[in-house]
Structures are given as C-alpha cells and as structure tokens.
PDB file of N, CA and C in Angstrom:
ATOM      1  N   UNK A   1       0.844  -1.175   0.000  1.00  0.00           N
ATOM      2  CA  UNK A   1       0.000   0.000   0.000  1.00  0.00           C
ATOM      3  C   UNK A   1       0.888   1.236   0.000  1.00  0.00           C
ATOM      4  N   UNK A   2       0.517   2.169  -0.840  1.00  0.00           N
ATOM      5  CA  UNK A   2       1.250   3.431  -0.913  1.00  0.00           C
ATOM      6  C   UNK A   2       0.510   4.470  -0.077  1.00  0.00           C
ATOM      7  N   UNK A   3       1.244   5.221   0.745  1.00  0.00           N
ATOM      8  CA  UNK A   3       0.663   6.230   1.617  1.00  0.00           C
ATOM      9  C   UNK A   3       1.142   7.614   1.199  1.00  0.00           C
ATOM     10  N   UNK A   4       0.188   8.526   0.954  1.00  0.00           N
ATOM     11  CA  UNK A   4       0.507   9.913   0.630  1.00  0.00           C
ATOM     12  C   UNK A   4      -0.081  10.806   1.711  1.00  0.00           C
ATOM     13  N   UNK A   5       0.736  11.723   2.232  1.00  0.00           N
ATOM     14  CA  UNK A   5       0.267  12.669   3.244  1.00  0.00           C
ATOM     15  C   UNK A   5       0.400  14.082   2.699  1.00  0.00           C
ATOM     16  N   UNK A   6      -0.623  14.889   2.938  1.00  0.00           N
ATOM     17  CA  UNK A   6      -0.612  16.253   2.430  1.00  0.00           C
ATOM     18  C   UNK A   6      -1.143  17.198   3.510  1.00  0.00           C
ATOM     19  N   UNK A   7      -0.405  18.268   3.770  1.00  0.00           N
ATOM     20  CA  UNK A   7      -0.815  19.280   4.746  1.00  0.00           C
ATOM     21  C   UNK A   7      -1.127  20.576   4.000  1.00  0.00           C
ATOM     22  N   UNK A   8      -2.309  21.151   4.272  1.00  0.00           N
ATOM     23  CA  UNK A   8      -2.739  22.377   3.609  1.00  0.00           C
ATOM     24  C   UNK A   8      -2.895  23.462   4.679  1.00  0.00           C
ATOM     25  N   UNK A   9      -2.285  24.604   4.461  1.00  0.00           N
ATOM     26  CA  UNK A   9      -2.349  25.774   5.346  1.00  0.00           C
ATOM     27  C   UNK A   9      -1.612  25.590   6.665  1.00  0.00           C
ATOM     28  N   UNK A  10      -0.704  24.614   6.748  1.00  0.00           N
ATOM     29  CA  UNK A  10       0.137  24.463   7.933  1.00  0.00           C
ATOM     30  C   UNK A  10       1.318  23.563   7.599  1.00  0.00           C
ATOM     31  N   UNK A  11       2.326  23.579   8.457  1.00  0.00           N
ATOM     32  CA  UNK A  11       3.516  22.751   8.303  1.00  0.00           C
ATOM     33  C   UNK A  11       3.344  21.505   9.183  1.00  0.00           C
ATOM     34  N   UNK A  12       3.398  20.327   8.585  1.00  0.00           N
ATOM     35  CA  UNK A  12       3.168  19.089   9.318  1.00  0.00           C
ATOM     36  C   UNK A  12       4.363  18.767  10.210  1.00  0.00           C
ATOM     37  N   UNK A  13       4.085  18.506  11.479  1.00  0.00           N
ATOM     38  CA  UNK A  13       5.120  18.125  12.433  1.00  0.00           C
ATOM     39  C   UNK A  13       5.486  16.657  12.267  1.00  0.00           C
ATOM     40  N   UNK A  14       6.697  16.331  12.642  1.00  0.00           N
ATOM     41  CA  UNK A  14       7.168  14.952  12.540  1.00  0.00           C
ATOM     42  C   UNK A  14       6.323  14.024  13.419  1.00  0.00           C
ATOM     43  N   UNK A  15       5.867  14.529  14.552  1.00  0.00           N
ATOM     44  CA  UNK A  15       5.027  13.759  15.475  1.00  0.00           C
ATOM     45  C   UNK A  15       3.724  13.337  14.793  1.00  0.00           C
ATOM     46  N   UNK A  16       3.148  14.236  14.001  1.00  0.00           N
ATOM     47  CA  UNK A  16       1.913  13.937  13.283  1.00  0.00           C
ATOM     48  C   UNK A  16       2.163  12.905  12.183  1.00  0.00           C
ATOM     49  N   UNK A  17       3.287  13.030  11.487  1.00  0.00           N
ATOM     50  CA  UNK A  17       3.641  12.046  10.457  1.00  0.00           C
ATOM     51  C   UNK A  17       3.779  10.650  11.060  1.00  0.00           C
ATOM     52  N   UNK A  18       4.439  10.561  12.207  1.00  0.00           N
ATOM     53  CA  UNK A  18       4.625   9.265  12.873  1.00  0.00           C
ATOM     54  C   UNK A  18       3.285   8.691  13.323  1.00  0.00           C
ATOM     55  N   UNK A  19       2.383   9.556  13.785  1.00  0.00           N
ATOM     56  CA  UNK A  19       1.053   9.101  14.197  1.00  0.00           C
ATOM     57  C   UNK A  19       0.309   8.498  13.002  1.00  0.00           C
ATOM     58  N   UNK A  20       0.359   9.171  11.871  1.00  0.00           N
ATOM     59  CA  UNK A  20      -0.312   8.677  10.661  1.00  0.00           C
ATOM     60  C   UNK A  20       0.286   7.345  10.229  1.00  0.00           C
ATOM     61  N   UNK A  21       1.613   7.260  10.196  1.00  0.00           N
ATOM     62  CA  UNK A  21       2.268   6.019   9.783  1.00  0.00           C
ATOM     63  C   UNK A  21       1.920   4.867  10.718  1.00  0.00           C
ATOM     64  N   UNK A  22       1.885   5.145  12.019  1.00  0.00           N
ATOM     65  CA  UNK A  22       1.545   4.115  13.003  1.00  0.00           C
ATOM     66  C   UNK A  22       0.110   3.623  12.805  1.00  0.00           C
ATOM     67  N   UNK A  23      -0.828   4.548  12.622  1.00  0.00           N
ATOM     68  CA  UNK A  23      -2.235   4.184  12.494  1.00  0.00           C
ATOM     69  C   UNK A  23      -2.545   3.482  11.175  1.00  0.00           C
ATOM     70  N   UNK A  24      -1.849   3.837  10.109  1.00  0.00           N
ATOM     71  CA  UNK A  24      -2.130   3.240   8.801  1.00  0.00           C
ATOM     72  C   UNK A  24      -1.367   1.933   8.579  1.00  0.00           C
ATOM     73  N   UNK A  25      -0.422   1.615   9.433  1.00  0.00           N
ATOM     74  CA  UNK A  25       0.399   0.411   9.285  1.00  0.00           C
ATOM     75  C   UNK A  25      -0.462  -0.845   9.190  1.00  0.00           C
ATOM     76  N   UNK A  26      -1.498  -0.935  10.014  1.00  0.00           N
ATOM     77  CA  UNK A  26      -2.338  -2.146  10.032  1.00  0.00           C
ATOM     78  C   UNK A  26      -3.126  -2.324   8.742  1.00  0.00           C
ATOM     79  N   UNK A  27      -3.333  -1.246   7.982  1.00  0.00           N
ATOM     80  CA  UNK A  27      -4.103  -1.339   6.738  1.00  0.00           C
ATOM     81  C   UNK A  27      -3.296  -1.968   5.614  1.00  0.00           C
ATOM     82  N   UNK A  28      -1.981  -2.078   5.800  1.00  0.00           N
ATOM     83  CA  UNK A  28      -1.154  -2.749   4.805  1.00  0.00           C
ATOM     84  C   UNK A  28      -1.567  -4.209   4.660  1.00  0.00           C
ATOM     85  N   UNK A  29      -2.070  -4.799   5.767  1.00  0.00           N
ATOM     86  CA  UNK A  29      -2.516  -6.196   5.727  1.00  0.00           C
ATOM     87  C   UNK A  29      -3.920  -6.315   5.144  1.00  0.00           C
ATOM     88  N   UNK A  30      -4.734  -5.277   5.329  1.00  0.00           N
ATOM     89  CA  UNK A  30      -6.125  -5.319   4.880  1.00  0.00           C
ATOM     90  C   UNK A  30      -6.297  -4.932   3.413  1.00  0.00           C
ATOM     91  N   UNK A  31      -5.383  -4.122   2.900  1.00  0.00           N
ATOM     92  CA  UNK A  31      -5.503  -3.595   1.539  1.00  0.00           C
ATOM     93  C   UNK A  31      -4.521  -4.282   0.600  1.00  0.00           C
ATOM     94  N   UNK A  32      -4.858  -4.378  -0.673  1.00  0.00           N
ATOM     95  CA  UNK A  32      -3.900  -4.945  -1.634  1.00  0.00           C
ATOM     96  C   UNK A  32      -2.668  -4.048  -1.765  1.00  0.00           C
ATOM     97  N   UNK A  33      -1.592  -4.643  -2.225  1.00  0.00           N
ATOM     98  CA  UNK A  33      -0.333  -3.912  -2.354  1.00  0.00           C
ATOM     99  C   UNK A  33      -0.446  -2.735  -3.331  1.00  0.00           C
ATOM    100  N   UNK A  34      -1.333  -2.848  -4.308  1.00  0.00           N
ATOM    101  CA  UNK A  34      -1.489  -1.805  -5.322  1.00  0.00           C
ATOM    102  C   UNK A  34      -2.362  -0.635  -4.836  1.00  0.00           C
ATOM    103  N   UNK A  35      -2.976  -0.764  -3.675  1.00  0.00           N
ATOM    104  CA  UNK A  35      -3.867   0.292  -3.161  1.00  0.00           C
ATOM    105  C   UNK A  35      -3.071   1.521  -2.747  1.00  0.00           C
ATOM    106  N   UNK A  36      -3.728   2.672  -2.847  1.00  0.00           N
ATOM    107  CA  UNK A  36      -3.137   3.934  -2.413  1.00  0.00           C
ATOM    108  C   UNK A  36      -4.043   4.580  -1.382  1.00  0.00           C
ATOM    109  N   UNK A  37      -3.430   5.076  -0.302  1.00  0.00           N
ATOM    110  CA  UNK A  37      -4.171   5.796   0.727  1.00  0.00           C
ATOM    111  C   UNK A  37      -3.636   7.222   0.774  1.00  0.00           C
ATOM    112  N   UNK A  38      -4.557   8.171   0.641  1.00  0.00           N
ATOM    113  CA  UNK A  38      -4.178   9.586   0.683  1.00  0.00           C
ATOM    114  C   UNK A  38      -4.798  10.220   1.923  1.00  0.00           C
ATOM    115  N   UNK A  39      -3.956  10.840   2.743  1.00  0.00           N
ATOM    116  CA  UNK A  39      -4.407  11.536   3.941  1.00  0.00           C
ATOM    117  C   UNK A  39      -4.139  13.018   3.721  1.00  0.00           C
ATOM    118  N   UNK A  40      -5.205  13.807   3.717  1.00  0.00           N
ATOM    119  CA  UNK A  40      -5.073  15.256   3.523  1.00  0.00           C
ATOM    120  C   UNK A  40      -5.630  15.972   4.749  1.00  0.00           C
ATOM    121  N   UNK A  41      -4.830  16.872   5.291  1.00  0.00           N
ATOM    122  CA  UNK A  41      -5.236  17.628   6.476  1.00  0.00           C
ATOM    123  C   UNK A  41      -5.209  19.109   6.157  1.00  0.00           C
ATOM    124  N   UNK A  42      -6.256  19.820   6.590  1.00  0.00           N
ATOM    125  CA  UNK A  42      -6.392  21.239   6.290  1.00  0.00           C
ATOM    126  C   UNK A  42      -6.805  21.993   7.551  1.00  0.00           C
ATOM    127  N   UNK A  43      -6.160  23.140   7.783  1.00  0.00           N
ATOM    128  CA  UNK A  43      -6.614  24.052   8.830  1.00  0.00           C
ATOM    129  C   UNK A  43      -7.569  25.018   8.149  1.00  0.00           C
ATOM    130  N   UNK A  44      -8.852  25.002   8.557  1.00  0.00           N
ATOM    131  CA  UNK A  44      -9.861  25.796   7.871  1.00  0.00           C
ATOM    132  C   UNK A  44      -9.926  27.226   8.399  1.00  0.00           C
ATOM    133  N   UNK A  45     -10.217  27.383   9.662  1.00  0.00           N
ATOM    134  CA  UNK A  45     -10.271  28.710  10.270  1.00  0.00           C
ATOM    135  C   UNK A  45      -9.356  28.676  11.487  1.00  0.00           C
ATOM    136  N   UNK A  46      -8.157  29.205  11.374  1.00  0.00           N
ATOM    137  CA  UNK A  46      -7.165  29.049  12.440  1.00  0.00           C
ATOM    138  C   UNK A  46      -7.600  29.529  13.828  1.00  0.00           C
ATOM    139  N   UNK A  47      -8.496  30.471  13.924  1.00  0.00           N
ATOM    140  CA  UNK A  47      -8.822  31.049  15.224  1.00  0.00           C
ATOM    141  C   UNK A  47     -10.050  30.426  15.893  1.00  0.00           C
ATOM    142  N   UNK A  48     -10.567  29.314  15.372  1.00  0.00           N
ATOM    143  CA  UNK A  48     -11.775  28.717  15.950  1.00  0.00           C
ATOM    144  C   UNK A  48     -11.526  27.277  16.386  1.00  0.00           C
ATOM    145  N   UNK A  49     -12.451  26.749  17.196  1.00  0.00           N
ATOM    146  CA  UNK A  49     -12.433  25.328  17.555  1.00  0.00           C
ATOM    147  C   UNK A  49     -12.945  24.537  16.366  1.00  0.00           C
ATOM    148  N   UNK A  50     -12.714  23.239  16.392  1.00  0.00           N
ATOM    149  CA  UNK A  50     -13.138  22.354  15.292  1.00  0.00           C
ATOM    150  C   UNK A  50     -12.697  22.900  13.931  1.00  0.00           C
ATOM    151  N   UNK A  51     -11.419  23.214  13.837  1.00  0.00           N
ATOM    152  CA  UNK A  51     -10.906  23.811  12.605  1.00  0.00           C
ATOM    153  C   UNK A  51      -9.945  22.896  11.847  1.00  0.00           C
ATOM    154  N   UNK A  52      -9.842  21.647  12.259  1.00  0.00           N
ATOM    155  CA  UNK A  52      -8.924  20.712  11.611  1.00  0.00           C
ATOM    156  C   UNK A  52      -9.739  19.710  10.787  1.00  0.00           C
ATOM    157  N   UNK A  53      -9.637  19.835   9.485  1.00  0.00           N
ATOM    158  CA  UNK A  53     -10.386  18.969   8.574  1.00  0.00           C
ATOM    159  C   UNK A  53      -9.457  17.891   8.028  1.00  0.00           C
ATOM    160  N   UNK A  54      -9.908  16.647   8.119  1.00  0.00           N
ATOM    161  CA  UNK A  54      -9.102  15.510   7.672  1.00  0.00           C
ATOM    162  C   UNK A  54      -9.884  14.709   6.640  1.00  0.00           C
ATOM    163  N   UNK A  55      -9.217  14.384   5.528  1.00  0.00           N
ATOM    164  CA  UNK A  55      -9.800  13.542   4.474  1.00  0.00           C
ATOM    165  C   UNK A  55      -8.909  12.320   4.326  1.00  0.00           C
ATOM    166  N   UNK A  56      -9.512  11.158   4.226  1.00  0.00           N
ATOM    167  CA  UNK A  56      -8.767   9.944   3.907  1.00  0.00           C
ATOM    168  C   UNK A  56      -9.462   9.306   2.714  1.00  0.00           C
ATOM    169  N   UNK A  57      -8.672   9.036   1.680  1.00  0.00           N
ATOM    170  CA  UNK A  57      -9.205   8.446   0.458  1.00  0.00           C
ATOM    171  C   UNK A  57      -8.365   7.227   0.120  1.00  0.00           C
ATOM    172  N   UNK A  58      -9.051   6.129  -0.210  1.00  0.00           N
ATOM    173  CA  UNK A  58      -8.369   4.894  -0.581  1.00  0.00           C
ATOM    174  C   UNK A  58      -8.841   4.501  -1.975  1.00  0.00           C
ATOM    175  N   UNK A  59      -7.889   4.279  -2.878  1.00  0.00           N
ATOM    176  CA  UNK A  59      -8.204   3.812  -4.232  1.00  0.00           C
ATOM    177  C   UNK A  59      -7.437   2.522  -4.492  1.00  0.00           C
ATOM    178  N   UNK A  60      -7.948   1.745  -5.427  1.00  0.00           N
ATOM    179  CA  UNK A  60      -7.289   0.502  -5.800  1.00  0.00           C
ATOM    180  C   UNK A  60      -7.851  -0.707  -5.085  1.00  0.00           C
ATOM    181  N   UNK A  61      -9.066  -0.583  -4.549  1.00  0.00           N
ATOM    182  CA  UNK A  61      -9.713  -1.717  -3.870  1.00  0.00           C
ATOM    183  C   UNK A  61     -11.024  -2.083  -4.570  1.00  0.00           C
ATOM    184  N   UNK A  62     -11.125  -1.732  -5.828  1.00  0.00           N
ATOM    185  CA  UNK A  62     -12.350  -2.011  -6.586  1.00  0.00           C
ATOM    186  C   UNK A  62     -13.282  -0.814  -6.633  1.00  0.00           C
ATOM    187  N   UNK A  63     -13.216   0.021  -5.635  1.00  0.00           N
ATOM    188  CA  UNK A  63     -14.017   1.243  -5.563  1.00  0.00           C
ATOM    189  C   UNK A  63     -13.236   2.237  -4.704  1.00  0.00           C
ATOM    190  N   UNK A  64     -13.636   3.481  -4.770  1.00  0.00           N
ATOM    191  CA  UNK A  64     -12.966   4.491  -3.958  1.00  0.00           C
ATOM    192  C   UNK A  64     -13.651   4.572  -2.596  1.00  0.00           C
ATOM    193  N   UNK A  65     -12.851   4.509  -1.535  1.00  0.00           N
ATOM    194  CA  UNK A  65     -13.347   4.670  -0.175  1.00  0.00           C
ATOM    195  C   UNK A  65     -12.950   6.063   0.296  1.00  0.00           C
ATOM    196  N   UNK A  66     -13.845   6.746   0.986  1.00  0.00           N
ATOM    197  CA  UNK A  66     -13.575   8.127   1.386  1.00  0.00           C
ATOM    198  C   UNK A  66     -14.186   8.415   2.751  1.00  0.00           C
ATOM    199  N   UNK A  67     -13.458   9.157   3.556  1.00  0.00           N
ATOM    200  CA  UNK A  67     -13.966   9.613   4.850  1.00  0.00           C
ATOM    201  C   UNK A  67     -13.459  11.023   5.094  1.00  0.00           C
ATOM    202  N   UNK A  68     -14.314  11.845   5.699  1.00  0.00           N
ATOM    203  CA  UNK A  68     -13.960  13.237   6.003  1.00  0.00           C
ATOM    204  C   UNK A  68     -14.481  13.570   7.397  1.00  0.00           C
ATOM    205  N   UNK A  69     -13.629  14.151   8.219  1.00  0.00           N
ATOM    206  CA  UNK A  69     -14.008  14.525   9.578  1.00  0.00           C
ATOM    207  C   UNK A  69     -13.437  15.894   9.905  1.00  0.00           C
ATOM    208  N   UNK A  70     -14.155  16.642  10.752  1.00  0.00           N
ATOM    209  CA  UNK A  70     -13.681  17.926  11.266  1.00  0.00           C
ATOM    210  C   UNK A  70     -13.611  17.795  12.782  1.00  0.00           C
ATOM    211  N   UNK A  71     -12.421  18.018  13.349  1.00  0.00           N
ATOM    212  CA  UNK A  71     -12.207  17.811  14.785  1.00  0.00           C
ATOM    213  C   UNK A  71     -11.317  18.913  15.356  1.00  0.00           C
ATOM    214  N   UNK A  72     -11.059  18.819  16.662  1.00  0.00           N
ATOM    215  CA  UNK A  72     -10.159  19.760  17.335  1.00  0.00           C
ATOM    216  C   UNK A  72      -8.697  19.481  17.029  1.00  0.00           C
ATOM    217  N   UNK A  73      -8.357  18.192  16.827  1.00  0.00           N
ATOM    218  CA  UNK A  73      -6.972  17.825  16.542  1.00  0.00           C
ATOM    219  C   UNK A  73      -6.923  16.938  15.305  1.00  0.00           C
ATOM    220  N   UNK A  74      -5.790  16.958  14.621  1.00  0.00           N
ATOM    221  CA  UNK A  74      -5.623  16.101  13.450  1.00  0.00           C
ATOM    222  C   UNK A  74      -5.560  14.634  13.855  1.00  0.00           C
ATOM    223  N   UNK A  75      -4.967  14.340  15.005  1.00  0.00           N
ATOM    224  CA  UNK A  75      -4.889  12.954  15.469  1.00  0.00           C
ATOM    225  C   UNK A  75      -6.291  12.365  15.631  1.00  0.00           C
ATOM    226  N   UNK A  76      -7.182  13.122  16.237  1.00  0.00           N
ATOM    227  CA  UNK A  76      -8.562  12.671  16.421  1.00  0.00           C
ATOM    228  C   UNK A  76      -9.252  12.478  15.066  1.00  0.00           C
ATOM    229  N   UNK A  77      -9.036  13.417  14.156  1.00  0.00           N
ATOM    230  CA  UNK A  77      -9.623  13.321  12.825  1.00  0.00           C
ATOM    231  C   UNK A  77      -9.123  12.112  12.057  1.00  0.00           C
ATOM    232  N   UNK A  78      -7.834  11.832  12.155  1.00  0.00           N
ATOM    233  CA  UNK A  78      -7.242  10.685  11.471  1.00  0.00           C
ATOM    234  C   UNK A  78      -7.826   9.394  12.028  1.00  0.00           C
ATOM    235  N   UNK A  79      -7.898   9.299  13.358  1.00  0.00           N
ATOM    236  CA  UNK A  79      -8.455   8.101  13.987  1.00  0.00           C
ATOM    237  C   UNK A  79      -9.900   7.873  13.550  1.00  0.00           C
ATOM    238  N   UNK A  80     -10.702   8.940  13.545  1.00  0.00           N
ATOM    239  CA  UNK A  80     -12.112   8.827  13.143  1.00  0.00           C
ATOM    240  C   UNK A  80     -12.246   8.433  11.673  1.00  0.00           C
ATOM    241  N   UNK A  81     -11.441   9.039  10.819  1.00  0.00           N
ATOM    242  CA  UNK A  81     -11.493   8.722   9.385  1.00  0.00           C
ATOM    243  C   UNK A  81     -11.087   7.272   9.127  1.00  0.00           C
ATOM    244  N   UNK A  82     -10.039   6.812   9.772  1.00  0.00           N
ATOM    245  CA  UNK A  82      -9.585   5.438   9.560  1.00  0.00           C
ATOM    246  C   UNK A  82     -10.611   4.437  10.075  1.00  0.00           C
ATOM    247  N   UNK A  83     -11.300   4.790  11.143  1.00  0.00           N
ATOM    248  CA  UNK A  83     -12.370   3.940  11.644  1.00  0.00           C
ATOM    249  C   UNK A  83     -13.502   3.830  10.608  1.00  0.00           C
ATOM    250  N   UNK A  84     -13.841   4.961   9.979  1.00  0.00           N
ATOM    251  CA  UNK A  84     -14.879   4.964   8.945  1.00  0.00           C
ATOM    252  C   UNK A  84     -14.436   4.153   7.721  1.00  0.00           C
ATOM    253  N   UNK A  85     -13.169   4.271   7.346  1.00  0.00           N
ATOM    254  CA  UNK A  85     -12.632   3.506   6.211  1.00  0.00           C
ATOM    255  C   UNK A  85     -12.692   2.011   6.523  1.00  0.00           C
ATOM    256  N   UNK A  86     -12.364   1.647   7.745  1.00  0.00           N
ATOM    257  CA  UNK A  86     -12.402   0.235   8.137  1.00  0.00           C
ATOM    258  C   UNK A  86     -13.822  -0.321   8.036  1.00  0.00           C
ATOM    259  N   UNK A  87     -14.812   0.459   8.440  1.00  0.00           N
ATOM    260  CA  UNK A  87     -16.209   0.031   8.325  1.00  0.00           C
ATOM    261  C   UNK A  87     -16.598  -0.159   6.866  1.00  0.00           C
ATOM    262  N   UNK A  88     -16.122   0.748   6.006  1.00  0.00           N
ATOM    263  CA  UNK A  88     -16.412   0.622   4.581  1.00  0.00           C
ATOM    264  C   UNK A  88     -15.766  -0.635   4.004  1.00  0.00           C
ATOM    265  N   UNK A  89     -14.550  -0.936   4.449  1.00  0.00           N
ATOM    266  CA  UNK A  89     -13.872  -2.158   3.997  1.00  0.00           C
ATOM    267  C   UNK A  89     -14.627  -3.408   4.434  1.00  0.00           C
ATOM    268  N   UNK A  90     -15.121  -3.405   5.662  1.00  0.00           N
ATOM    269  CA  UNK A  90     -15.893  -4.547   6.161  1.00  0.00           C
ATOM    270  C   UNK A  90     -17.168  -4.739   5.344  1.00  0.00           C
ATOM    271  N   UNK A  91     -17.835  -3.659   4.996  1.00  0.00           N
ATOM    272  CA  UNK A  91     -19.059  -3.745   4.182  1.00  0.00           C
ATOM    273  C   UNK A  91     -18.739  -4.339   2.810  1.00  0.00           C
ATOM    274  N   UNK A  92     -17.600  -3.949   2.240  1.00  0.00           N
ATOM    275  CA  UNK A  92     -17.223  -4.469   0.922  1.00  0.00           C
ATOM    276  C   UNK A  92     -16.919  -5.957   0.998  1.00  0.00           C
ATOM    277  N   UNK A  93     -16.317  -6.406   2.108  1.00  0.00           N
ATOM    278  CA  UNK A  93     -15.999  -7.823   2.264  1.00  0.00           C
ATOM    279  C   UNK A  93     -17.263  -8.652   2.397  1.00  0.00           C
ATOM    280  N   UNK A  94     -18.273  -8.094   3.079  1.00  0.00           N
ATOM    281  CA  UNK A  94     -19.524  -8.815   3.296  1.00  0.00           C
ATOM    282  C   UNK A  94     -20.309  -9.030   2.006  1.00  0.00           C
ATOM    283  N   UNK A  95     -20.090  -8.179   1.012  1.00  0.00           N
ATOM    284  CA  UNK A  95     -20.863  -8.270  -0.236  1.00  0.00           C
ATOM    285  C   UNK A  95     -20.370  -9.366  -1.122  1.00  0.00           C
TER     286      UNK A  95
END
C-alpha cells in the first residue's frame, strides 16, 4: 500500500507524520499492495475550535473509499477517518 500525506495551510510536524504512519500500518494487511491511501489535512479557520479537517481516500480496492471529519486535533480526525474507512472495507468484504 502506498501512503501519501498532504498538509494544507500548515507545516506538518514529525510527530503527526509518525502518528499517521503508526495508524495506517495495520491497513497494509487489509488492503492490496497496489492500493493507495491519501491523507489530507487542512486548517480551515485558524482562530476557531473544530478547525482541523481531515480527508482519507483509498483507491485501488475495486471502488474508492472516502472519509472526512472535522475535529479539534488532526490525530482525532485521522483516527475517526480510519475507523470509517475500516467500516467501509468490512461492508465491501460482506458483499
């Protein structure tokens, strides 16, 4: 699985990169080797709460899987998005 990370309107810290890599590591077993996972994080309104928007998109699994969350922290958004992606993967397996 190929992992792409993109930060919009902010500079991504190494701590955040490590968090993403740690959380997505388990999906290497669930997804085919040709699959791509794109994690995009955006700061929408810097001076407000709930201003961290996270998108996770997975292609190469027969269909495109997508999750989007807005949270206080990127870590929380990533965790929520990956949970939603996992549910979508389970639904695809059941079919």
